[in-house]
Amino acid sequence: MEIAATDIAVRFGPMTLLQGVDLVMRPREMVGLIGPNGSGKTTLLRILANLRAPEAGRVRYAGQTAAEVGARELARQIAYLAQGGTVHWPMRVEALIALGRLPHRRTFGGLDAADRDAIAQAMIAADVVSLRGRTMGQVSGGERMRILLARALAVDAPMLLADEPIAALDPLHQLQVMELLRTTARAGRGIMVVLHDLALAARFCDRLILLAQGGIMVEGAPARVLTDAHLARAYGVEVVRGERDGIPYLLPWKPSGTSGRNAP
């Protein structure tokens, strides 16, 4: 499956958030969606997941519109992980993860062997097996995000859209989740992940899309996107760079004074 967005525009009243956005999401690729706060990352991700309609432009799924694919089939094809980790029910962890199998189940049907296997594999991958018997009120914020990631993985969809999945995690679980997402992409799924950590974006993503100033400022390989000039223009920061085990890294270091976020 391929997701293709063409000429996407988003407006909030008189304000234009995004204009003329074109992008393609493919299998076997992990794409990082980066950009400053308010640049439209979450909004664009929701449009790709068919959870919000753009003011202009279109999204096609393997060449078809969402209406042509159908809501149930689209729910099997795209898993979406929202930011924040909000859960409104005092459910047991395993029951919550099992909700990821709803698009595959018959009406009023129980879990079959494929469902149970997908749930078990998702819990192992997200490192939440030890939490399976707890309720959602008995886990931390970081544990909650890993549980919701497991629910998204349990869908076993060809495409996974994840909005800041590592924001509440400790450093070890950040690395584990990023490695898991990359491994999932290598196994054949398409992954798009909203990130604020530029070092992890550079290390784990195959391609980056930098949103700023109302659209896509630049996209491509991390080395092409994360230049000093692009980061100063988009974020208003200078970075320091280094290398460990042959892998380059960067850290935001100080304001550059050259942010173009408010430029016309």
C-alpha atoms as a PDB file:
ATOM      1  CA  MET A   1       0.000   0.000   0.000  1.00  0.00           C
ATOM      2  CA  GLU A   2       1.096   3.566  -0.710  1.00  0.00           C
ATOM      3  CA  ILE A   3      -0.367   6.759   0.746  1.00  0.00           C
ATOM      4  CA  ALA A   4      -0.085   9.803  -1.515  1.00  0.00           C
ATOM      5  CA  ALA A   5      -1.131  13.314  -0.518  1.00  0.00           C
ATOM      6  CA  THR A   6      -1.437  15.986  -3.181  1.00  0.00           C
ATOM      7  CA  ASP A   7      -1.702  19.775  -2.768  1.00  0.00           C
ATOM      8  CA  ILE A   8      -2.954  19.572   0.825  1.00  0.00           C
ATOM      9  CA  ALA A   9      -4.094  22.835   2.395  1.00  0.00           C
ATOM     10  CA  VAL A  10      -5.252  23.433   5.972  1.00  0.00           C
ATOM     11  CA  ARG A  11      -6.748  26.652   7.283  1.00  0.00           C
ATOM     12  CA  PHE A  12      -8.030  27.726  10.670  1.00  0.00           C
ATOM     13  CA  GLY A  13     -10.284  30.666   9.934  1.00  0.00           C
ATOM     14  CA  PRO A  14      -8.200  33.281   8.128  1.00  0.00           C
ATOM     15  CA  MET A  15      -4.912  31.566   9.073  1.00  0.00           C
ATOM     16  CA  THR A  16      -3.266  29.140   6.643  1.00  0.00           C
ATOM     17  CA  LEU A  17      -1.422  26.379   8.480  1.00  0.00           C
ATOM     18  CA  LEU A  18      -0.389  24.291   5.463  1.00  0.00           C
ATOM     19  CA  GLN A  19      -0.454  25.016   1.758  1.00  0.00           C
ATOM     20  CA  GLY A  20       0.538  22.941  -1.256  1.00  0.00           C
ATOM     21  CA  VAL A  21       1.769  19.887   0.654  1.00  0.00           C
ATOM     22  CA  ASP A  22       2.673  16.877  -1.493  1.00  0.00           C
ATOM     23  CA  LEU A  23       4.090  13.678  -0.017  1.00  0.00           C
ATOM     24  CA  VAL A  24       4.199   9.928  -0.492  1.00  0.00           C
ATOM     25  CA  MET A  25       4.446   7.230   2.196  1.00  0.00           C
ATOM     26  CA  ARG A  26       5.683   3.832   1.051  1.00  0.00           C
ATOM     27  CA  PRO A  27       6.141   0.347   2.524  1.00  0.00           C
ATOM     28  CA  ARG A  28       9.531  -0.599   3.997  1.00  0.00           C
ATOM     29  CA  GLU A  29      10.332   3.008   4.854  1.00  0.00           C
ATOM     30  CA  MET A  30      10.445   4.872   8.148  1.00  0.00           C
ATOM     31  CA  VAL A  31       9.661   8.546   7.636  1.00  0.00           C
ATOM     32  CA  GLY A  32      10.184  11.136  10.348  1.00  0.00           C
ATOM     33  CA  LEU A  33       7.799  14.110  10.334  1.00  0.00           C
ATOM     34  CA  ILE A  34       9.631  16.953  12.080  1.00  0.00           C
ATOM     35  CA  GLY A  35       9.188  20.678  12.538  1.00  0.00           C
ATOM     36  CA  PRO A  36       8.643  23.345  15.201  1.00  0.00           C
ATOM     37  CA  ASN A  37       5.572  23.500  17.409  1.00  0.00           C
ATOM     38  CA  GLY A  38       2.535  24.670  15.482  1.00  0.00           C
ATOM     39  CA  SER A  39       3.898  23.697  12.073  1.00  0.00           C
ATOM     40  CA  GLY A  40       1.036  21.260  11.371  1.00  0.00           C
ATOM     41  CA  LYS A  41       2.618  17.857  12.009  1.00  0.00           C
ATOM     42  CA  THR A  42      -0.286  16.364  13.976  1.00  0.00           C
ATOM     43  CA  THR A  43      -2.852  17.881  11.618  1.00  0.00           C
ATOM     44  CA  LEU A  44      -1.103  16.435   8.581  1.00  0.00           C
ATOM     45  CA  LEU A  45      -0.801  13.015  10.214  1.00  0.00           C
ATOM     46  CA  ARG A  46      -4.539  13.029  10.984  1.00  0.00           C
ATOM     47  CA  ILE A  47      -5.295  13.924   7.373  1.00  0.00           C
ATOM     48  CA  LEU A  48      -3.187  10.996   6.153  1.00  0.00           C
ATOM     49  CA  ALA A  49      -5.085   8.720   8.564  1.00  0.00           C
ATOM     50  CA  ASN A  50      -8.423  10.014   7.192  1.00  0.00           C
ATOM     51  CA  LEU A  51      -9.320  11.449  10.605  1.00  0.00           C
ATOM     52  CA  ARG A  52      -9.535  15.022   9.331  1.00  0.00           C
ATOM     53  CA  ALA A  53     -10.427  16.414   5.932  1.00  0.00           C
ATOM     54  CA  PRO A  54      -8.142  19.061   4.394  1.00  0.00           C
ATOM     55  CA  GLU A  55      -9.559  22.323   3.132  1.00  0.00           C
ATOM     56  CA  ALA A  56      -8.012  21.539  -0.246  1.00  0.00           C
ATOM     57  CA  GLY A  57      -6.118  18.688  -1.872  1.00  0.00           C
ATOM     58  CA  ARG A  58      -6.620  14.945  -1.685  1.00  0.00           C
ATOM     59  CA  VAL A  59      -5.202  11.776  -0.200  1.00  0.00           C
ATOM     60  CA  ARG A  60      -5.210   8.463  -2.036  1.00  0.00           C
ATOM     61  CA  TYR A  61      -4.584   5.011  -0.654  1.00  0.00           C
ATOM     62  CA  ALA A  62      -3.059   2.683  -3.249  1.00  0.00           C
ATOM     63  CA  GLY A  63      -4.603   4.999  -5.834  1.00  0.00           C
ATOM     64  CA  GLN A  64      -8.083   5.035  -4.290  1.00  0.00           C
ATOM     65  CA  THR A  65      -9.971   7.582  -2.229  1.00  0.00           C
ATOM     66  CA  ALA A  66     -10.927   6.757   1.345  1.00  0.00           C
ATOM     67  CA  ALA A  67     -14.548   6.364   0.249  1.00  0.00           C
ATOM     68  CA  GLU A  68     -13.538   3.875  -2.439  1.00  0.00           C
ATOM     69  CA  VAL A  69     -11.463   1.846   0.030  1.00  0.00           C
ATOM     70  CA  GLY A  70     -14.191   1.883   2.682  1.00  0.00           C
ATOM     71  CA  ALA A  71     -13.929   2.721   6.372  1.00  0.00           C
ATOM     72  CA  ARG A  72     -13.542  -0.854   7.614  1.00  0.00           C
ATOM     73  CA  GLU A  73     -10.858  -1.782   5.119  1.00  0.00           C
ATOM     74  CA  LEU A  74      -9.007   1.474   5.765  1.00  0.00           C
ATOM     75  CA  ALA A  75      -9.000   0.645   9.489  1.00  0.00           C
ATOM     76  CA  ARG A  76      -7.255  -2.622   8.597  1.00  0.00           C
ATOM     77  CA  GLN A  77      -4.748  -0.840   6.378  1.00  0.00           C
ATOM     78  CA  ILE A  78      -3.761   2.069   8.642  1.00  0.00           C
ATOM     79  CA  ALA A  79      -2.953   2.024  12.354  1.00  0.00           C
ATOM     80  CA  TYR A  80      -2.882   5.409  14.085  1.00  0.00           C
ATOM     81  CA  LEU A  81      -1.216   6.215  17.405  1.00  0.00           C
ATOM     82  CA  ALA A  82      -2.301   9.584  18.793  1.00  0.00           C
ATOM     83  CA  GLN A  83      -0.077  11.719  20.985  1.00  0.00           C
ATOM     84  CA  GLY A  84      -0.749  12.150  24.679  1.00  0.00           C
ATOM     85  CA  GLY A  85      -1.737   8.633  25.664  1.00  0.00           C
ATOM     86  CA  THR A  86      -5.219   9.569  26.905  1.00  0.00           C
ATOM     87  CA  VAL A  87      -7.428   6.612  27.844  1.00  0.00           C
ATOM     88  CA  HIS A  88     -10.933   7.302  29.136  1.00  0.00           C
ATOM     89  CA  TRP A  89     -11.805   3.833  30.433  1.00  0.00           C
ATOM     90  CA  PRO A  90     -10.414   1.864  33.405  1.00  0.00           C
ATOM     91  CA  MET A  91      -9.722  -1.130  31.167  1.00  0.00           C
ATOM     92  CA  ARG A  92      -7.277  -3.924  31.706  1.00  0.00           C
ATOM     93  CA  VAL A  93      -4.148  -3.477  29.620  1.00  0.00           C
ATOM     94  CA  GLU A  94      -4.613  -6.662  27.605  1.00  0.00           C
ATOM     95  CA  ALA A  95      -8.237  -5.777  26.828  1.00  0.00           C
ATOM     96  CA  LEU A  96      -7.182  -2.342  25.597  1.00  0.00           C
ATOM     97  CA  ILE A  97      -4.530  -3.812  23.317  1.00  0.00           C
ATOM     98  CA  ALA A  98      -7.125  -6.258  21.986  1.00  0.00           C
ATOM     99  CA  LEU A  99      -9.103  -3.281  20.648  1.00  0.00           C
ATOM    100  CA  GLY A 100      -6.503  -3.090  17.919  1.00  0.00           C
ATOM    101  CA  ARG A 101      -8.037  -6.235  16.448  1.00  0.00           C
ATOM    102  CA  LEU A 102     -11.539  -4.778  16.049  1.00  0.00           C
ATOM    103  CA  PRO A 103     -11.163  -4.039  12.312  1.00  0.00           C
ATOM    104  CA  HIS A 104     -10.434  -7.737  11.722  1.00  0.00           C
ATOM    105  CA  ARG A 105     -13.242  -9.199  13.816  1.00  0.00           C
ATOM    106  CA  ARG A 106     -16.758 -10.131  12.810  1.00  0.00           C
ATOM    107  CA  THR A 107     -19.614  -8.287  14.505  1.00  0.00           C
ATOM    108  CA  PHE A 108     -20.077  -9.745  17.997  1.00  0.00           C
ATOM    109  CA  GLY A 109     -17.303 -12.239  17.206  1.00  0.00           C
ATOM    110  CA  GLY A 110     -14.686 -13.200  19.787  1.00  0.00           C
ATOM    111  CA  LEU A 111     -10.928 -13.348  19.439  1.00  0.00           C
ATOM    112  CA  ASP A 112      -9.633 -16.078  17.172  1.00  0.00           C
ATOM    113  CA  ALA A 113      -6.152 -17.601  17.046  1.00  0.00           C
ATOM    114  CA  ALA A 114      -4.846 -14.913  14.675  1.00  0.00           C
ATOM    115  CA  ASP A 115      -6.142 -12.181  16.981  1.00  0.00           C
ATOM    116  CA  ARG A 116      -4.556 -13.713  20.059  1.00  0.00           C
ATOM    117  CA  ASP A 117      -1.245 -14.181  18.276  1.00  0.00           C
ATOM    118  CA  ALA A 118      -1.212 -10.570  17.043  1.00  0.00           C
ATOM    119  CA  ILE A 119      -1.980  -9.289  20.555  1.00  0.00           C
ATOM    120  CA  ALA A 120       0.748 -11.444  22.115  1.00  0.00           C
ATOM    121  CA  GLN A 121       3.329 -10.366  19.539  1.00  0.00           C
ATOM    122  CA  ALA A 122       2.403  -6.698  19.994  1.00  0.00           C
ATOM    123  CA  MET A 123       2.794  -6.917  23.782  1.00  0.00           C
ATOM    124  CA  ILE A 124       6.208  -8.535  23.417  1.00  0.00           C
ATOM    125  CA  ALA A 125       7.348  -5.947  20.866  1.00  0.00           C
ATOM    126  CA  ALA A 126       6.254  -2.990  23.016  1.00  0.00           C
ATOM    127  CA  ASP A 127       7.624  -4.561  26.228  1.00  0.00           C
ATOM    128  CA  VAL A 128       4.306  -4.535  28.088  1.00  0.00           C
ATOM    129  CA  VAL A 129       3.771  -8.240  28.817  1.00  0.00           C
ATOM    130  CA  SER A 130       4.391  -7.642  32.536  1.00  0.00           C
ATOM    131  CA  LEU A 131       1.615  -5.010  32.535  1.00  0.00           C
ATOM    132  CA  ARG A 132      -1.091  -7.141  30.902  1.00  0.00           C
ATOM    133  CA  GLY A 133      -3.113  -7.705  34.092  1.00  0.00           C
ATOM    134  CA  ARG A 134      -3.086  -4.104  35.307  1.00  0.00           C
ATOM    135  CA  THR A 135      -5.729  -1.498  34.595  1.00  0.00           C
ATOM    136  CA  MET A 136      -4.874   1.655  32.706  1.00  0.00           C
ATOM    137  CA  GLY A 137      -5.185   3.589  35.959  1.00  0.00           C
ATOM    138  CA  GLN A 138      -2.308   1.566  37.400  1.00  0.00           C
ATOM    139  CA  VAL A 139       0.376   2.439  34.840  1.00  0.00           C
ATOM    140  CA  SER A 140       2.663   5.424  34.365  1.00  0.00           C
ATOM    141  CA  GLY A 141       2.525   7.867  31.463  1.00  0.00           C
ATOM    142  CA  GLY A 142       5.426   6.168  29.729  1.00  0.00           C
ATOM    143  CA  GLU A 143       3.907   2.732  30.235  1.00  0.00           C
ATOM    144  CA  ARG A 144       0.623   4.046  28.843  1.00  0.00           C
ATOM    145  CA  MET A 145       2.311   5.147  25.619  1.00  0.00           C
ATOM    146  CA  ARG A 146       3.921   1.738  25.185  1.00  0.00           C
ATOM    147  CA  ILE A 147       0.550   0.063  25.760  1.00  0.00           C
ATOM    148  CA  LEU A 148      -1.069   2.266  23.120  1.00  0.00           C
ATOM    149  CA  LEU A 149       1.801   1.473  20.766  1.00  0.00           C
ATOM    150  CA  ALA A 150       1.071  -2.219  21.364  1.00  0.00           C
ATOM    151  CA  ARG A 151      -2.585  -1.592  20.471  1.00  0.00           C
ATOM    152  CA  ALA A 152      -1.487   0.065  17.207  1.00  0.00           C
ATOM    153  CA  LEU A 153       0.904  -2.798  16.428  1.00  0.00           C
ATOM    154  CA  ALA A 154      -1.843  -5.339  17.119  1.00  0.00           C
ATOM    155  CA  VAL A 155      -3.793  -3.969  14.143  1.00  0.00           C
ATOM    156  CA  ASP A 156      -1.037  -5.501  12.002  1.00  0.00           C
ATOM    157  CA  ALA A 157      -1.701  -2.828   9.377  1.00  0.00           C
ATOM    158  CA  PRO A 158       0.577  -2.197   6.391  1.00  0.00           C
ATOM    159  CA  MET A 159       0.858   1.458   7.450  1.00  0.00           C
ATOM    160  CA  LEU A 160       1.491   2.872  10.942  1.00  0.00           C
ATOM    161  CA  LEU A 161       1.164   6.585  11.716  1.00  0.00           C
ATOM    162  CA  ALA A 162       2.556   7.467  15.156  1.00  0.00           C
ATOM    163  CA  ASP A 163       2.330  10.930  16.715  1.00  0.00           C
ATOM    164  CA  GLU A 164       5.171  11.533  19.187  1.00  0.00           C
ATOM    165  CA  PRO A 165       5.318   7.919  20.427  1.00  0.00           C
ATOM    166  CA  ILE A 166       8.484   8.508  22.486  1.00  0.00           C
ATOM    167  CA  ALA A 167       7.555  11.811  24.137  1.00  0.00           C
ATOM    168  CA  ALA A 168       6.798  10.332  27.581  1.00  0.00           C
ATOM    169  CA  LEU A 169       9.396   7.563  27.544  1.00  0.00           C
ATOM    170  CA  ASP A 170      12.660   7.220  29.429  1.00  0.00           C
ATOM    171  CA  PRO A 171      15.887   7.043  27.335  1.00  0.00           C
ATOM    172  CA  LEU A 172      16.022   3.231  27.259  1.00  0.00           C
ATOM    173  CA  HIS A 173      12.447   2.866  26.043  1.00  0.00           C
ATOM    174  CA  GLN A 174      12.926   5.706  23.545  1.00  0.00           C
ATOM    175  CA  LEU A 175      15.738   3.742  21.949  1.00  0.00           C
ATOM    176  CA  GLN A 176      13.780   0.490  22.105  1.00  0.00           C
ATOM    177  CA  VAL A 177      10.686   2.013  20.494  1.00  0.00           C
ATOM    178  CA  MET A 178      12.704   3.665  17.722  1.00  0.00           C
ATOM    179  CA  GLU A 179      14.509   0.395  17.027  1.00  0.00           C
ATOM    180  CA  LEU A 180      11.165  -1.426  17.042  1.00  0.00           C
ATOM    181  CA  LEU A 181       9.672   1.018  14.538  1.00  0.00           C
ATOM    182  CA  ARG A 182      12.688   0.716  12.261  1.00  0.00           C
ATOM    183  CA  THR A 183      12.593  -3.074  12.455  1.00  0.00           C
ATOM    184  CA  THR A 184       8.862  -2.983  11.696  1.00  0.00           C
ATOM    185  CA  ALA A 185       9.565  -0.902   8.593  1.00  0.00           C
ATOM    186  CA  ARG A 186      12.303  -3.274   7.469  1.00  0.00           C
ATOM    187  CA  ALA A 187       9.806  -6.134   7.770  1.00  0.00           C
ATOM    188  CA  GLY A 188       7.570  -4.478   5.170  1.00  0.00           C
ATOM    189  CA  ARG A 189       5.334  -1.884   6.808  1.00  0.00           C
ATOM    190  CA  GLY A 190       5.364   1.826   6.143  1.00  0.00           C
ATOM    191  CA  ILE A 191       6.018   3.958   9.228  1.00  0.00           C
ATOM    192  CA  MET A 192       5.514   7.689   9.663  1.00  0.00           C
ATOM    193  CA  VAL A 193       6.439   9.097  13.053  1.00  0.00           C
ATOM    194  CA  VAL A 194       6.219  12.629  14.440  1.00  0.00           C
ATOM    195  CA  LEU A 195       9.396  13.440  16.352  1.00  0.00           C
ATOM    196  CA  HIS A 196      10.956  16.345  18.213  1.00  0.00           C
ATOM    197  CA  ASP A 197      14.237  14.591  19.022  1.00  0.00           C
ATOM    198  CA  LEU A 198      16.427  15.459  16.040  1.00  0.00           C
ATOM    199  CA  ALA A 199      19.217  13.091  17.091  1.00  0.00           C
ATOM    200  CA  LEU A 200      16.881  10.092  17.076  1.00  0.00           C
ATOM    201  CA  ALA A 201      15.258  11.268  13.855  1.00  0.00           C
ATOM    202  CA  ALA A 202      18.666  11.416  12.168  1.00  0.00           C
ATOM    203  CA  ARG A 203      19.725   8.042  13.525  1.00  0.00           C
ATOM    204  CA  PHE A 204      16.654   5.908  12.866  1.00  0.00           C
ATOM    205  CA  CYS A 205      14.656   7.411   9.995  1.00  0.00           C
ATOM    206  CA  ASP A 206      15.212   6.641   6.323  1.00  0.00           C
ATOM    207  CA  ARG A 207      13.684   9.940   5.254  1.00  0.00           C
ATOM    208  CA  LEU A 208      12.684  13.155   6.994  1.00  0.00           C
ATOM    209  CA  ILE A 209       9.999  15.678   6.118  1.00  0.00           C
ATOM    210  CA  LEU A 210      10.608  19.088   7.697  1.00  0.00           C
ATOM    211  CA  LEU A 211       7.432  21.153   8.068  1.00  0.00           C
ATOM    212  CA  ALA A 212       7.890  24.881   8.594  1.00  0.00           C
ATOM    213  CA  GLN A 213       6.525  28.197   7.356  1.00  0.00           C
ATOM    214  CA  GLY A 214       3.295  26.728   6.020  1.00  0.00           C
ATOM    215  CA  GLY A 215       4.495  23.675   4.162  1.00  0.00           C
ATOM    216  CA  ILE A 216       7.319  21.270   3.511  1.00  0.00           C
ATOM    217  CA  MET A 217      10.575  23.207   3.785  1.00  0.00           C
ATOM    218  CA  VAL A 218      12.685  20.237   2.708  1.00  0.00           C
ATOM    219  CA  GLU A 219      12.494  16.453   2.603  1.00  0.00           C
ATOM    220  CA  GLY A 220      14.953  13.685   1.925  1.00  0.00           C
ATOM    221  CA  ALA A 221      17.692  11.743   3.665  1.00  0.00           C
ATOM    222  CA  PRO A 222      18.488  12.994   7.198  1.00  0.00           C
ATOM    223  CA  ALA A 223      21.843  14.434   6.118  1.00  0.00           C
ATOM    224  CA  ARG A 224      20.123  16.515   3.442  1.00  0.00           C
ATOM    225  CA  VAL A 225      17.384  17.785   5.752  1.00  0.00           C
ATOM    226  CA  LEU A 226      19.264  18.444   8.985  1.00  0.00           C
ATOM    227  CA  THR A 227      21.701  21.053   7.718  1.00  0.00           C
ATOM    228  CA  ASP A 228      22.715  24.033   9.824  1.00  0.00           C
ATOM    229  CA  ALA A 229      20.879  26.381   7.477  1.00  0.00           C
ATOM    230  CA  HIS A 230      17.617  24.409   7.525  1.00  0.00           C
ATOM    231  CA  LEU A 231      17.633  24.050  11.327  1.00  0.00           C
ATOM    232  CA  ALA A 232      18.360  27.732  11.861  1.00  0.00           C
ATOM    233  CA  ARG A 233      15.590  28.712   9.480  1.00  0.00           C
ATOM    234  CA  ALA A 234      12.970  26.258  10.780  1.00  0.00           C
ATOM    235  CA  TYR A 235      13.753  26.084  14.504  1.00  0.00           C
ATOM    236  CA  GLY A 236      15.971  29.098  15.166  1.00  0.00           C
ATOM    237  CA  VAL A 237      18.709  26.949  16.731  1.00  0.00           C
ATOM    238  CA  GLU A 238      22.363  26.125  16.220  1.00  0.00           C
ATOM    239  CA  VAL A 239      23.489  22.533  16.714  1.00  0.00           C
ATOM    240  CA  VAL A 240      26.651  20.725  17.667  1.00  0.00           C
ATOM    241  CA  ARG A 241      27.618  17.603  15.788  1.00  0.00           C
ATOM    242  CA  GLY A 242      29.633  14.510  16.510  1.00  0.00           C
ATOM    243  CA  GLU A 243      30.061  10.871  15.596  1.00  0.00           C
ATOM    244  CA  ARG A 244      29.912   7.618  17.551  1.00  0.00           C
ATOM    245  CA  ASP A 245      30.602   4.186  16.037  1.00  0.00           C
ATOM    246  CA  GLY A 246      30.508   5.746  12.595  1.00  0.00           C
ATOM    247  CA  ILE A 247      27.041   7.206  13.164  1.00  0.00           C
ATOM    248  CA  PRO A 248      26.711  11.005  13.099  1.00  0.00           C
ATOM    249  CA  TYR A 249      24.612  12.778  15.721  1.00  0.00           C
ATOM    250  CA  LEU A 250      23.541  16.329  16.494  1.00  0.00           C
ATOM    251  CA  LEU A 251      22.270  18.228  19.516  1.00  0.00           C
ATOM    252  CA  PRO A 252      20.433  21.559  19.592  1.00  0.00           C
ATOM    253  CA  TRP A 253      22.832  23.865  21.417  1.00  0.00           C
ATOM    254  CA  LYS A 254      21.721  27.490  21.395  1.00  0.00           C
ATOM    255  CA  PRO A 255      19.341  29.907  19.681  1.00  0.00           C
ATOM    256  CA  SER A 256      20.629  31.041  16.324  1.00  0.00           C
ATOM    257  CA  GLY A 257      18.647  34.256  16.150  1.00  0.00           C
ATOM    258  CA  THR A 258      17.737  33.498  12.531  1.00  0.00           C
ATOM    259  CA  SER A 259      14.415  31.668  12.845  1.00  0.00           C
ATOM    260  CA  GLY A 260      12.191  32.210   9.823  1.00  0.00           C
ATOM    261  CA  ARG A 261       9.023  30.879  11.439  1.00  0.00           C
ATOM    262  CA  ASN A 262       7.368  34.270  11.529  1.00  0.00           C
ATOM    263  CA  ALA A 263       8.686  35.416   8.193  1.00  0.00           C
ATOM    264  CA  PRO A 264       6.173  36.205   5.449  1.00  0.00           C
END
